[in-house]
Protein backbone atom coordinates (compact mmCIF):
# COMPACT_ATOMS: atom_id res chain seq x y z
CA MET A 1 -2.59 2.50 3.64
CA VAL A 2 -3.43 0.92 0.32
CA VAL A 3 -5.16 4.12 -0.81
CA LEU A 4 -2.11 6.18 0.16
CA GLY A 5 0.06 3.78 -1.80
CA LEU A 6 -2.17 4.16 -4.86
CA ILE A 7 -2.00 7.96 -4.61
CA LEU A 8 1.80 7.92 -4.37
CA LEU A 9 2.01 5.45 -7.24
CA LEU A 10 -0.14 7.67 -9.46
CA LEU A 11 1.88 10.76 -8.50
CA GLY A 12 5.06 8.89 -9.33
CA LEU A 13 3.67 7.93 -12.72
CA PHE A 14 2.54 11.45 -13.63
CA ILE A 15 5.56 13.36 -12.31
CA SER A 16 8.64 12.58 -14.33
CA GLY A 17 11.76 12.04 -12.27
CA ALA A 18 9.80 10.97 -9.19
CA GLY A 19 10.71 7.29 -9.28
CA ILE A 20 10.99 7.16 -5.50
CA LEU A 21 7.26 7.89 -5.22
CA LYS A 22 6.47 4.86 -7.36
CA THR A 23 8.68 2.69 -5.17
CA ILE A 24 7.13 3.98 -1.93
CA GLY A 25 3.64 3.57 -3.40
CA ILE A 26 4.25 -0.05 -4.36
CA ILE A 27 5.70 -0.81 -0.92
CA LEU A 28 2.71 0.78 0.83
CA ILE A 29 0.25 -1.18 -1.32
CA VAL A 30 2.01 -4.48 -0.59
CA VAL A 31 2.31 -3.80 3.16
CA GLY A 32 -1.31 -2.65 3.34
CA LEU A 33 -2.56 -5.80 1.63
CA ILE A 34 -0.43 -8.02 3.86
CA LEU A 35 -1.69 -6.31 7.02
CA ASN A 36 -5.24 -6.60 5.75
CA PHE A 37 -5.13 -10.35 5.10
CA VAL A 38 -2.83 -11.55 7.89
CA PRO A 39 -4.49 -11.63 11.30
CA ILE A 40 -2.51 -9.71 13.92
CA GLY A 41 -2.54 -10.83 17.54
CA GLY A 42 -4.06 -14.20 16.74
CA SER A 43 -7.55 -12.87 16.04
CA SER A 44 -9.03 -12.55 12.61
CA ARG A 45 -10.34 -9.11 11.71
CA ARG A 46 -12.79 -10.44 9.12
CA VAL A 47 -16.45 -10.44 10.03
CA TRP A 48 -18.35 -13.47 8.79
């Protein structure tokens, strides 16, 4: 999800007039990072 957000962000930066792609890319990056660091269902997904 973070990778998809980065791709959309880069596309939004290179294509003029595609501001919505930058917005969607930033949202996907933020949501991806939140889902990565917040444990879902009470169990941590990190392997120690």
